Amino acid sequence: MESNLFLPTREDQLKAQVIELRKRLAHANEEKEKLKREIMEEDIAYIATAKFSEEIRDTTREKASQLKDKQQQILSQLVEAVEARCVQELIGYYRLAGRTTFTFQRYRGIRLETFYGGTYFEPYYLLLLPKRSGLPDTPNDFTNYTISKDTLPNFIPLRQIADKLFPWDMDSFLRVIHDFLLAYVGRREQYETMRKLCDERDTLTSVVAPNESKKIINLVESVGNERYAVVELIYKNLAIDFPTEVVITENPPSSRTYAKEKDIFLKNRLPEAYNLAFNV
């Protein structure tokens, strides 16, 4: 990594290097989580496809003398296929609520859908293993299970939430986890929208989110005469996609308080707040 010759001290150079390394680490963690989700998705898709393929056999490979005997079996298989399709439609309805359960190898899985602005984004998974084998398995009873694997982002406090709610109150447990995921996707997509706006508009000079969770988002807006408004959005509650604190300053410093603009950013999601605050 090359030293920045414009930094006045060695300490400042080291700080800049640490910031750069943290950005690279955050990017690497994002890629790692993305790869984990893709691998699990492929495994689940393969298992589901293989299981369905086994249900409908190719009768053209049977001997001609056996075709009549297979007619009833073919009819039964067609009925099963229709039933399977109905099940898939039912699963689709459950996906609208964002949660589905499934069996995957030795695991009992929970799939949490994410969506924002009317669009579905990536799903996340919880994989549960039974503590003891041979016990009755009922759909709504998770007392015999423990959380074995997950594809949730690292900043979501899964263990703390599980200690309070899992497995005694699964509805609350999944709702809280889902809130964290939806809020994260919401903050991320708002940030991505602002990045695109930054490329399109001369007044918006930069948009930065220094960590994966997007718990802090900074943007710099030109307000004329070589003056800039520096907006810092702080999301202390990671279960929502609205900022809990907004700090706006001018560079060079001025006496302007930006009280109205702060209130706008607190009450609106980022792209809409930006348009309202700066009359874009």
Protein backbone atom coordinates (compact mmCIF):
# COMPACT_ATOMS: atom_id res chain seq x y z
CA MET A 1 0.00 0.00 0.00
CA GLU A 2 1.54 3.35 -1.04
CA SER A 3 1.97 6.07 1.56
CA ASN A 4 -0.14 9.14 1.08
CA LEU A 5 2.45 11.91 0.68
CA PHE A 6 -0.16 14.58 1.38
CA LEU A 7 -0.73 13.45 4.99
CA PRO A 8 1.39 15.57 7.35
CA THR A 9 2.30 12.93 9.95
CA ARG A 10 3.09 9.23 10.14
CA GLU A 11 0.17 8.80 12.53
CA ASP A 12 -2.23 10.21 9.93
CA GLN A 13 -0.78 7.87 7.32
CA LEU A 14 -1.35 4.87 9.60
CA LYS A 15 -4.92 5.98 10.29
CA ALA A 16 -5.58 6.23 6.56
CA GLN A 17 -4.14 2.75 6.04
CA VAL A 18 -6.33 1.33 8.83
CA ILE A 19 -9.43 2.90 7.24
CA GLU A 20 -8.52 1.40 3.86
CA LEU A 21 -7.94 -2.05 5.40
CA ARG A 22 -11.28 -1.89 7.19
CA LYS A 23 -13.02 -1.11 3.90
CA ARG A 24 -11.31 -4.08 2.26
CA LEU A 25 -12.26 -6.34 5.20
CA ALA A 26 -15.89 -5.21 5.00
CA HIS A 27 -15.94 -5.93 1.26
CA ALA A 28 -14.38 -9.36 1.81
CA ASN A 29 -16.98 -10.20 4.48
CA GLU A 30 -19.78 -9.19 2.09
CA GLU A 31 -18.36 -11.47 -0.60
CA LYS A 32 -18.00 -14.31 1.92
CA GLU A 33 -21.63 -14.06 3.04
CA LYS A 34 -22.82 -13.82 -0.56
CA LEU A 35 -20.87 -16.96 -1.49
CA LYS A 36 -22.26 -18.83 1.53
CA ARG A 37 -25.81 -17.99 0.50
CA GLU A 38 -25.21 -18.97 -3.13
CA ILE A 39 -23.73 -22.35 -2.18
CA MET A 40 -26.64 -23.14 0.14
CA GLU A 41 -29.17 -22.03 -2.50
CA GLU A 42 -27.56 -24.35 -5.06
CA ASP A 43 -27.57 -27.30 -2.65
CA ILE A 44 -31.23 -26.80 -1.75
CA ALA A 45 -32.24 -26.36 -5.40
CA TYR A 46 -30.39 -29.54 -6.36
CA ILE A 47 -32.04 -31.61 -3.62
CA ALA A 48 -35.51 -30.31 -4.53
CA THR A 49 -35.02 -30.92 -8.26
CA ALA A 50 -33.63 -34.42 -7.75
CA LYS A 51 -36.50 -35.38 -5.45
CA PHE A 52 -39.15 -34.19 -7.91
CA SER A 53 -37.42 -35.87 -10.86
CA GLU A 54 -37.57 -39.22 -9.08
CA GLU A 55 -41.33 -38.93 -8.75
CA ILE A 56 -42.03 -39.07 -12.51
CA ARG A 57 -40.22 -41.90 -14.27
CA ASP A 58 -39.62 -42.15 -18.01
CA THR A 59 -41.95 -44.97 -19.18
CA THR A 60 -40.49 -45.01 -22.69
CA ARG A 61 -37.63 -47.06 -21.29
CA GLU A 62 -39.99 -49.81 -20.13
CA LYS A 63 -40.69 -52.83 -22.26
CA ALA A 64 -43.75 -52.60 -24.50
CA SER A 65 -45.38 -55.54 -22.70
CA GLN A 66 -45.35 -53.55 -19.46
CA LEU A 67 -46.94 -50.33 -20.77
CA LYS A 68 -50.52 -51.37 -20.02
CA ASP A 69 -49.57 -52.23 -16.48
CA LYS A 70 -48.05 -48.78 -16.14
CA GLN A 71 -51.11 -46.80 -17.18
CA GLN A 72 -52.52 -46.61 -13.69
CA GLN A 73 -49.12 -45.70 -12.29
CA ILE A 74 -48.76 -42.89 -14.85
CA LEU A 75 -52.18 -41.54 -13.89
CA SER A 76 -51.20 -41.64 -10.22
CA GLN A 77 -47.96 -39.84 -10.98
CA LEU A 78 -49.82 -37.13 -12.89
CA VAL A 79 -52.11 -36.63 -9.91
CA GLU A 80 -49.07 -36.39 -7.65
CA ALA A 81 -47.53 -33.83 -10.01
CA VAL A 82 -50.68 -31.68 -9.85
CA GLU A 83 -50.66 -31.96 -6.05
CA ALA A 84 -47.00 -30.98 -5.99
CA ARG A 85 -47.82 -27.92 -8.11
CA CYS A 86 -50.54 -26.95 -5.64
CA VAL A 87 -48.04 -27.29 -2.82
CA GLN A 88 -45.64 -25.00 -4.70
CA GLU A 89 -48.39 -22.40 -5.09
CA LEU A 90 -49.12 -22.66 -1.38
CA ILE A 91 -45.43 -22.12 -0.67
CA GLY A 92 -45.60 -19.05 -2.90
CA TYR A 93 -48.38 -17.63 -0.72
CA TYR A 94 -46.30 -18.24 2.39
CA ARG A 95 -43.37 -16.43 0.71
CA LEU A 96 -45.50 -13.30 0.60
CA ALA A 97 -45.22 -13.27 4.41
CA GLY A 98 -41.48 -13.76 4.04
CA ARG A 99 -41.07 -17.05 5.92
CA THR A 100 -41.06 -20.69 4.83
CA THR A 101 -39.83 -23.92 6.42
CA PHE A 102 -38.28 -26.90 4.64
CA THR A 103 -36.27 -30.08 5.19
CA PHE A 104 -32.69 -30.09 3.92
CA GLN A 105 -30.53 -33.19 4.48
CA ARG A 106 -30.41 -33.59 8.28
CA TYR A 107 -31.60 -30.06 8.88
CA ARG A 108 -34.89 -28.36 9.49
CA GLY A 109 -34.60 -25.09 7.60
CA ILE A 110 -36.21 -21.67 7.81
CA ARG A 111 -36.07 -19.35 4.81
CA LEU A 112 -36.53 -15.62 5.35
CA GLU A 113 -37.31 -13.56 2.26
CA THR A 114 -36.16 -9.96 1.93
CA PHE A 115 -37.86 -7.29 -0.12
CA TYR A 116 -37.81 -3.52 -0.50
CA GLY A 117 -39.70 -1.13 -2.72
CA GLY A 118 -41.86 -3.89 -4.21
CA THR A 119 -38.86 -6.01 -5.23
CA TYR A 120 -37.61 -9.31 -3.79
CA PHE A 121 -33.93 -9.50 -2.89
CA GLU A 122 -31.78 -12.33 -1.52
CA PRO A 123 -33.20 -14.84 1.01
CA TYR A 124 -31.47 -15.78 4.26
CA TYR A 125 -31.46 -19.16 5.99
CA LEU A 126 -31.48 -20.69 9.44
CA LEU A 127 -30.63 -24.40 9.63
CA LEU A 128 -31.67 -26.28 12.76
CA LEU A 129 -30.46 -29.67 13.99
CA PRO A 130 -32.30 -31.94 16.45
CA LYS A 131 -30.70 -32.30 19.87
CA ARG A 132 -31.88 -35.91 20.12
CA SER A 133 -32.94 -38.24 17.33
CA GLY A 134 -36.05 -40.38 17.33
CA LEU A 135 -38.38 -37.87 19.00
CA PRO A 136 -41.72 -36.95 17.37
CA ASP A 137 -41.38 -34.03 14.94
CA THR A 138 -44.30 -31.60 14.91
CA PRO A 139 -44.40 -28.54 12.60
CA ASN A 140 -44.72 -25.87 15.30
CA ASP A 141 -42.55 -27.46 18.00
CA PHE A 142 -38.86 -26.48 17.95
CA THR A 143 -37.98 -27.43 21.53
CA ASN A 144 -35.82 -30.35 20.36
CA TYR A 145 -33.81 -28.18 17.96
CA THR A 146 -30.74 -26.02 18.13
CA ILE A 147 -29.51 -23.42 15.62
CA SER A 148 -26.64 -25.05 13.73
CA LYS A 149 -25.94 -22.80 10.72
CA ASP A 150 -27.16 -19.53 9.29
CA THR A 151 -26.47 -17.12 6.43
CA LEU A 152 -27.42 -13.98 8.35
CA PRO A 153 -25.08 -10.96 8.20
CA ASN A 154 -22.59 -11.01 11.08
CA PHE A 155 -23.84 -7.77 12.64
CA ILE A 156 -27.31 -9.19 13.40
CA PRO A 157 -27.23 -10.33 17.08
CA LEU A 158 -28.65 -13.79 16.40
CA ARG A 159 -27.34 -15.44 19.58
CA GLN A 160 -28.66 -12.70 21.87
CA ILE A 161 -32.08 -12.84 20.22
CA ALA A 162 -32.11 -16.64 20.36
CA ASP A 163 -31.22 -16.65 24.07
CA LYS A 164 -34.36 -14.63 24.78
CA LEU A 165 -36.88 -16.15 22.36
CA PHE A 166 -35.71 -19.45 20.80
CA PRO A 167 -37.38 -21.96 20.78
CA TRP A 168 -40.18 -20.90 23.15
CA ASP A 169 -41.58 -18.04 21.08
CA MET A 170 -40.74 -18.83 17.47
CA ASP A 171 -43.13 -16.27 16.02
CA SER A 172 -41.46 -13.41 17.90
CA PHE A 173 -38.00 -14.86 17.25
CA LEU A 174 -38.50 -14.98 13.47
CA ARG A 175 -40.25 -11.62 13.40
CA VAL A 176 -37.35 -9.89 15.17
CA ILE A 177 -34.75 -11.56 12.92
CA HIS A 178 -36.84 -10.67 9.88
CA ASP A 179 -37.08 -7.04 11.01
CA PHE A 180 -33.27 -6.84 11.17
CA LEU A 181 -32.94 -8.34 7.68
CA LEU A 182 -35.57 -6.13 6.07
CA ALA A 183 -34.08 -3.02 7.70
CA TYR A 184 -30.60 -3.96 6.49
CA VAL A 185 -31.78 -4.50 2.91
CA GLY A 186 -33.71 -1.23 3.10
CA ARG A 187 -30.67 0.76 4.24
CA ARG A 188 -28.47 -0.94 1.66
CA GLU A 189 -30.82 -0.24 -1.24
CA GLN A 190 -31.29 3.37 -0.16
CA TYR A 191 -27.52 3.72 -0.09
CA GLU A 192 -27.19 2.14 -3.55
CA THR A 193 -29.82 4.54 -4.90
CA MET A 194 -27.84 7.47 -3.51
CA ARG A 195 -24.65 6.13 -5.09
CA LYS A 196 -26.35 6.16 -8.48
CA LEU A 197 -27.61 9.70 -7.87
CA CYS A 198 -24.07 10.73 -7.00
CA ASP A 199 -22.96 9.70 -10.48
CA GLU A 200 -25.85 11.61 -12.07
CA ARG A 201 -25.87 14.90 -10.14
CA ASP A 202 -23.05 17.40 -9.82
CA THR A 203 -24.27 18.78 -6.50
CA LEU A 204 -24.08 15.41 -4.71
CA THR A 205 -20.32 14.99 -4.48
CA SER A 206 -19.99 11.83 -2.37
CA VAL A 207 -21.92 9.08 -0.58
CA VAL A 208 -20.05 6.80 1.84
CA ALA A 209 -21.07 3.94 4.17
CA PRO A 210 -17.97 2.77 6.08
CA ASN A 211 -19.38 -0.58 7.29
CA GLU A 212 -21.41 -3.51 5.99
CA SER A 213 -24.41 -2.88 8.24
CA LYS A 214 -24.87 0.62 6.80
CA LYS A 215 -25.31 1.91 10.37
CA ILE A 216 -23.67 5.17 9.30
CA ILE A 217 -24.16 6.83 5.92
CA ASN A 218 -22.45 10.08 4.99
CA LEU A 219 -23.24 12.29 2.04
CA VAL A 220 -21.80 15.61 0.88
CA GLU A 221 -23.96 18.09 -1.03
CA SER A 222 -22.76 21.28 -2.69
CA VAL A 223 -24.79 24.28 -1.50
CA GLY A 224 -23.05 26.89 -3.69
CA ASN A 225 -20.12 29.28 -3.46
CA GLU A 226 -17.74 26.41 -2.74
CA ARG A 227 -19.69 25.51 0.39
CA TYR A 228 -20.77 21.96 1.20
CA ALA A 229 -23.38 20.43 3.50
CA VAL A 230 -22.03 17.31 5.18
CA VAL A 231 -24.87 14.98 6.27
CA GLU A 232 -24.19 12.13 8.69
CA LEU A 233 -27.03 9.63 9.13
CA ILE A 234 -26.70 7.38 12.19
CA TYR A 235 -28.79 4.21 12.52
CA LYS A 236 -28.40 3.13 16.16
CA ASN A 237 -31.39 0.80 15.87
CA LEU A 238 -30.44 -1.71 13.18
CA ALA A 239 -33.97 -3.15 13.13
CA ILE A 240 -35.31 -0.10 11.26
CA ASP A 241 -34.26 1.65 8.06
CA PHE A 242 -34.83 5.20 9.34
CA PRO A 243 -31.95 7.08 10.97
CA THR A 244 -32.10 7.66 14.73
CA GLU A 245 -29.79 10.66 14.60
CA VAL A 246 -28.85 13.18 11.90
CA VAL A 247 -25.89 15.57 12.03
CA ILE A 248 -25.57 18.24 9.34
CA THR A 249 -22.66 20.68 9.22
CA GLU A 250 -21.22 23.04 6.63
CA ASN A 251 -17.73 23.07 5.23
CA PRO A 252 -16.31 25.70 5.60
CA PRO A 253 -18.10 26.00 8.98
CA SER A 254 -21.05 28.38 9.31
CA SER A 255 -23.74 29.29 11.84
CA ARG A 256 -26.52 27.57 9.86
CA THR A 257 -28.26 24.85 11.93
CA TYR A 258 -30.13 22.89 9.19
CA ALA A 259 -32.93 22.13 11.70
CA LYS A 260 -35.59 21.67 9.01
CA GLU A 261 -33.34 19.40 6.92
CA LYS A 262 -32.48 17.23 9.95
CA ASP A 263 -36.17 16.67 10.62
CA ILE A 264 -36.74 15.70 7.00
CA PHE A 265 -33.97 13.10 7.10
CA LEU A 266 -35.33 11.67 10.38
CA LYS A 267 -38.85 11.20 9.00
CA ASN A 268 -38.15 10.00 5.45
CA ARG A 269 -36.10 7.30 3.80
CA LEU A 270 -32.84 8.51 2.36
CA PRO A 271 -33.58 9.14 -1.36
CA GLU A 272 -36.88 10.91 -0.61
CA ALA A 273 -35.32 12.86 2.27
CA TYR A 274 -32.46 14.01 0.04
CA ASN A 275 -34.88 15.28 -2.62
CA LEU A 276 -36.99 17.13 -0.05
CA ALA A 277 -34.11 18.57 1.96
CA PHE A 278 -32.19 19.94 -1.00
CA ASN A 279 -35.11 20.64 -3.36
CA VAL A 280 -33.73 18.33 -6.01
